[in-house]
Amino acid sequence: MAEFCLDCWNKINGTDDGEKKYIISEDFDLCEGCGEWKHVIIMERKAYYMRKFRYFILPFRILYGILYFLYRLLMLPCFLFKYYKSKKNNL
């Protein structure tokens, strides 16, 4: 696998990505683009875009959690009724 530093990677692909998009090595490695000893890219983060929108999605997740809890609370008597009715029929 080719190992490139972030600068060479951006130059090759014509992008301007930051370090947060990639997992960077902790130790120095030989960059195959410029031939210098630098921190190289190991792999791209899988959930990078979801991480960017997490603060936008958070209120919807909280609202969904509250509504789901209320729905389950309101449906509890119905579920108990069905459970006891089926239990009576089995006897």
N, C-alpha and C. Protein backbone atom coordinates (compact mmCIF):
# COMPACT_ATOMS: atom_id res chain seq x y z
N MET A 1 0.85 -1.18 0.00
CA MET A 1 0.00 0.00 0.00
C MET A 1 0.89 1.24 0.00
N ALA A 2 0.55 2.18 -0.81
CA ALA A 2 1.32 3.42 -0.88
C ALA A 2 1.05 4.28 0.34
N GLU A 3 2.11 4.90 0.84
CA GLU A 3 1.98 5.76 2.01
C GLU A 3 2.37 7.18 1.61
N PHE A 4 1.42 8.09 1.79
CA PHE A 4 1.65 9.48 1.44
C PHE A 4 1.40 10.36 2.65
N CYS A 5 2.12 11.46 2.75
CA CYS A 5 1.82 12.44 3.79
C CYS A 5 0.59 13.24 3.34
N LEU A 6 0.04 13.99 4.26
CA LEU A 6 -1.20 14.71 3.97
C LEU A 6 -1.00 15.73 2.85
N ASP A 7 0.15 16.40 2.82
CA ASP A 7 0.40 17.40 1.78
C ASP A 7 0.45 16.77 0.39
N CYS A 8 1.17 15.66 0.28
CA CYS A 8 1.26 14.98 -1.03
C CYS A 8 -0.09 14.40 -1.44
N TRP A 9 -0.83 13.88 -0.48
CA TRP A 9 -2.15 13.32 -0.78
C TRP A 9 -3.09 14.39 -1.33
N ASN A 10 -3.08 15.56 -0.70
CA ASN A 10 -3.91 16.65 -1.19
C ASN A 10 -3.45 17.13 -2.56
N LYS A 11 -2.15 17.13 -2.78
CA LYS A 11 -1.61 17.55 -4.08
C LYS A 11 -1.99 16.57 -5.19
N ILE A 12 -1.90 15.28 -4.88
CA ILE A 12 -2.22 14.25 -5.88
C ILE A 12 -3.69 14.28 -6.25
N ASN A 13 -4.55 14.40 -5.25
CA ASN A 13 -6.00 14.34 -5.49
C ASN A 13 -6.63 15.70 -5.75
N GLY A 14 -5.87 16.77 -5.62
CA GLY A 14 -6.42 18.10 -5.87
C GLY A 14 -7.45 18.52 -4.83
N THR A 15 -7.26 18.10 -3.58
CA THR A 15 -8.19 18.45 -2.50
C THR A 15 -7.49 19.31 -1.46
N ASP A 16 -8.26 19.75 -0.48
CA ASP A 16 -7.70 20.53 0.62
C ASP A 16 -8.26 19.99 1.94
N ASP A 17 -8.08 18.68 2.15
CA ASP A 17 -8.62 18.02 3.34
C ASP A 17 -7.71 18.25 4.53
N GLY A 18 -8.32 18.24 5.72
CA GLY A 18 -7.57 18.41 6.95
C GLY A 18 -7.19 17.08 7.58
N GLU A 19 -6.48 17.15 8.69
CA GLU A 19 -6.03 15.94 9.37
C GLU A 19 -7.17 15.17 10.00
N LYS A 20 -8.29 15.82 10.29
CA LYS A 20 -9.39 15.15 10.97
C LYS A 20 -10.10 14.15 10.07
N LYS A 21 -9.93 14.26 8.79
CA LYS A 21 -10.59 13.33 7.86
C LYS A 21 -9.87 11.99 7.78
N TYR A 22 -8.59 11.96 8.16
CA TYR A 22 -7.78 10.76 8.01
C TYR A 22 -7.20 10.33 9.35
N ILE A 23 -6.87 9.06 9.46
CA ILE A 23 -6.11 8.55 10.59
C ILE A 23 -4.64 8.64 10.19
N ILE A 24 -3.88 9.41 10.96
CA ILE A 24 -2.48 9.68 10.65
C ILE A 24 -1.60 8.81 11.54
N SER A 25 -0.47 8.35 11.02
CA SER A 25 0.44 7.51 11.80
C SER A 25 1.08 8.31 12.92
N GLU A 26 1.40 7.61 14.03
CA GLU A 26 2.05 8.27 15.15
C GLU A 26 3.54 8.42 14.92
N ASP A 27 4.14 7.47 14.23
CA ASP A 27 5.58 7.51 13.96
C ASP A 27 5.83 8.06 12.56
N PHE A 28 7.08 8.48 12.35
CA PHE A 28 7.46 8.96 11.04
C PHE A 28 7.62 7.79 10.08
N ASP A 29 7.21 7.99 8.84
CA ASP A 29 7.36 7.01 7.77
C ASP A 29 7.84 7.75 6.53
N LEU A 30 8.37 7.00 5.62
CA LEU A 30 8.86 7.60 4.38
C LEU A 30 7.70 7.85 3.44
N CYS A 31 7.46 9.12 3.12
CA CYS A 31 6.41 9.49 2.18
C CYS A 31 6.86 9.14 0.77
N GLU A 32 6.00 8.47 0.02
CA GLU A 32 6.37 8.05 -1.33
C GLU A 32 6.20 9.17 -2.35
N GLY A 33 5.55 10.25 -1.93
CA GLY A 33 5.37 11.37 -2.85
C GLY A 33 6.57 12.31 -2.85
N CYS A 34 6.97 12.76 -1.65
CA CYS A 34 8.06 13.74 -1.56
C CYS A 34 9.36 13.11 -1.10
N GLY A 35 9.35 11.88 -0.57
CA GLY A 35 10.57 11.20 -0.15
C GLY A 35 11.10 11.67 1.18
N GLU A 36 10.30 12.35 1.98
CA GLU A 36 10.73 12.82 3.29
C GLU A 36 10.10 11.95 4.38
N TRP A 37 10.71 12.01 5.57
CA TRP A 37 10.18 11.30 6.72
C TRP A 37 9.13 12.17 7.38
N LYS A 38 7.87 11.78 7.25
CA LYS A 38 6.75 12.54 7.80
C LYS A 38 5.71 11.57 8.35
N HIS A 39 4.70 12.12 9.03
CA HIS A 39 3.55 11.33 9.42
C HIS A 39 2.73 11.07 8.16
N VAL A 40 2.37 9.82 7.93
CA VAL A 40 1.65 9.46 6.71
C VAL A 40 0.21 9.07 7.04
N ILE A 41 -0.61 9.04 6.01
CA ILE A 41 -2.02 8.68 6.16
C ILE A 41 -2.12 7.16 6.22
N ILE A 42 -2.81 6.66 7.25
CA ILE A 42 -3.04 5.22 7.36
C ILE A 42 -4.33 4.85 6.64
N MET A 43 -5.42 5.56 6.95
CA MET A 43 -6.70 5.30 6.29
C MET A 43 -7.64 6.48 6.52
N GLU A 44 -8.71 6.52 5.77
CA GLU A 44 -9.73 7.56 5.93
C GLU A 44 -10.68 7.15 7.04
N ARG A 45 -11.09 8.12 7.84
CA ARG A 45 -12.05 7.83 8.91
C ARG A 45 -13.39 7.44 8.28
N LYS A 46 -14.03 6.42 8.82
CA LYS A 46 -15.26 5.91 8.23
C LYS A 46 -16.44 6.83 8.47
N ALA A 47 -16.57 7.36 9.65
CA ALA A 47 -17.75 8.16 9.99
C ALA A 47 -17.43 9.65 10.00
N TYR A 48 -16.61 10.09 9.09
CA TYR A 48 -16.18 11.49 9.08
C TYR A 48 -17.34 12.44 8.85
N TYR A 49 -18.18 12.16 7.87
CA TYR A 49 -19.27 13.08 7.55
C TYR A 49 -20.37 13.03 8.60
N MET A 50 -20.61 11.85 9.19
CA MET A 50 -21.59 11.78 10.27
C MET A 50 -21.10 12.56 11.48
N ARG A 51 -19.80 12.57 11.69
CA ARG A 51 -19.24 13.33 12.80
C ARG A 51 -19.44 14.83 12.59
N LYS A 52 -19.39 15.27 11.35
CA LYS A 52 -19.59 16.69 11.06
C LYS A 52 -21.01 17.13 11.36
N PHE A 53 -21.97 16.25 11.13
CA PHE A 53 -23.38 16.61 11.29
C PHE A 53 -23.98 16.14 12.61
N ARG A 54 -23.14 15.70 13.55
CA ARG A 54 -23.68 15.14 14.79
C ARG A 54 -24.43 16.18 15.61
N TYR A 55 -24.01 17.44 15.60
CA TYR A 55 -24.71 18.47 16.37
C TYR A 55 -26.02 18.87 15.70
N PHE A 56 -26.11 18.70 14.40
CA PHE A 56 -27.35 18.96 13.68
C PHE A 56 -28.37 17.85 13.93
N ILE A 57 -27.89 16.62 14.04
CA ILE A 57 -28.75 15.46 14.21
C ILE A 57 -29.17 15.28 15.67
N LEU A 58 -28.38 15.77 16.60
CA LEU A 58 -28.63 15.54 18.03
C LEU A 58 -30.03 15.93 18.49
N PRO A 59 -30.57 17.11 18.15
CA PRO A 59 -31.93 17.43 18.60
C PRO A 59 -32.98 16.46 18.08
N PHE A 60 -32.82 15.97 16.87
CA PHE A 60 -33.77 15.00 16.31
C PHE A 60 -33.68 13.66 17.05
N ARG A 61 -32.49 13.26 17.43
CA ARG A 61 -32.33 12.02 18.17
C ARG A 61 -32.95 12.13 19.55
N ILE A 62 -32.79 13.27 20.20
CA ILE A 62 -33.39 13.49 21.51
C ILE A 62 -34.91 13.49 21.40
N LEU A 63 -35.43 14.20 20.41
CA LEU A 63 -36.87 14.25 20.19
C LEU A 63 -37.43 12.85 19.90
N TYR A 64 -36.74 12.09 19.08
CA TYR A 64 -37.17 10.72 18.78
C TYR A 64 -37.19 9.87 20.05
N GLY A 65 -36.17 10.01 20.88
CA GLY A 65 -36.11 9.23 22.11
C GLY A 65 -37.27 9.55 23.04
N ILE A 66 -37.60 10.83 23.17
CA ILE A 66 -38.71 11.24 24.03
C ILE A 66 -40.03 10.72 23.47
N LEU A 67 -40.26 10.90 22.18
CA LEU A 67 -41.51 10.44 21.57
C LEU A 67 -41.64 8.92 21.63
N TYR A 68 -40.55 8.21 21.42
CA TYR A 68 -40.59 6.75 21.48
C TYR A 68 -40.92 6.29 22.90
N PHE A 69 -40.35 6.94 23.91
CA PHE A 69 -40.65 6.59 25.31
C PHE A 69 -42.12 6.84 25.62
N LEU A 70 -42.65 7.97 25.17
CA LEU A 70 -44.07 8.27 25.42
C LEU A 70 -44.98 7.28 24.70
N TYR A 71 -44.63 6.91 23.50
CA TYR A 71 -45.42 5.92 22.75
C TYR A 71 -45.45 4.59 23.49
N ARG A 72 -44.28 4.13 23.95
CA ARG A 72 -44.23 2.86 24.68
C ARG A 72 -45.01 2.94 25.99
N LEU A 73 -44.96 4.09 26.65
CA LEU A 73 -45.69 4.28 27.90
C LEU A 73 -47.20 4.25 27.67
N LEU A 74 -47.65 4.88 26.59
CA LEU A 74 -49.08 4.88 26.28
C LEU A 74 -49.58 3.51 25.79
N MET A 75 -48.73 2.75 25.16
CA MET A 75 -49.11 1.44 24.65
C MET A 75 -48.99 0.34 25.70
N LEU A 76 -48.42 0.63 26.85
CA LEU A 76 -48.23 -0.37 27.88
C LEU A 76 -49.55 -1.02 28.32
N PRO A 77 -50.63 -0.26 28.59
CA PRO A 77 -51.89 -0.93 28.96
C PRO A 77 -52.42 -1.88 27.87
N CYS A 78 -52.26 -1.49 26.64
CA CYS A 78 -52.70 -2.35 25.53
C CYS A 78 -51.90 -3.65 25.51
N PHE A 79 -50.59 -3.54 25.67
CA PHE A 79 -49.75 -4.74 25.68
C PHE A 79 -50.07 -5.63 26.87
N LEU A 80 -50.32 -5.05 28.03
CA LEU A 80 -50.68 -5.84 29.21
C LEU A 80 -52.02 -6.53 29.01
N PHE A 81 -52.98 -5.83 28.43
CA PHE A 81 -54.28 -6.42 28.16
C PHE A 81 -54.15 -7.63 27.24
N LYS A 82 -53.39 -7.48 26.15
CA LYS A 82 -53.20 -8.59 25.22
C LYS A 82 -52.48 -9.76 25.88
N TYR A 83 -51.54 -9.46 26.73
CA TYR A 83 -50.78 -10.51 27.41
C TYR A 83 -51.70 -11.31 28.33
N TYR A 84 -52.49 -10.62 29.16
CA TYR A 84 -53.37 -11.32 30.09
C TYR A 84 -54.51 -12.04 29.36
N LYS A 85 -54.96 -11.49 28.25
CA LYS A 85 -56.00 -12.14 27.45
C LYS A 85 -55.47 -13.44 26.84
N SER A 86 -54.27 -13.41 26.31
CA SER A 86 -53.69 -14.62 25.74
C SER A 86 -53.38 -15.64 26.83
N LYS A 87 -53.03 -15.17 28.00
CA LYS A 87 -52.73 -16.07 29.11
C LYS A 87 -54.01 -16.80 29.56
N LYS A 88 -55.15 -16.07 29.57
CA LYS A 88 -56.44 -16.68 29.93
C LYS A 88 -56.86 -17.73 28.91
N ASN A 89 -56.65 -17.43 27.64
CA ASN A 89 -57.07 -18.35 26.57
C ASN A 89 -56.24 -19.64 26.59
N ASN A 90 -55.02 -19.58 27.07
CA ASN A 90 -54.16 -20.77 27.10
C ASN A 90 -54.53 -21.69 28.24
N LEU A 91 -55.22 -21.20 29.24
CA LEU A 91 -55.62 -22.06 30.38
C LEU A 91 -56.81 -22.80 30.03
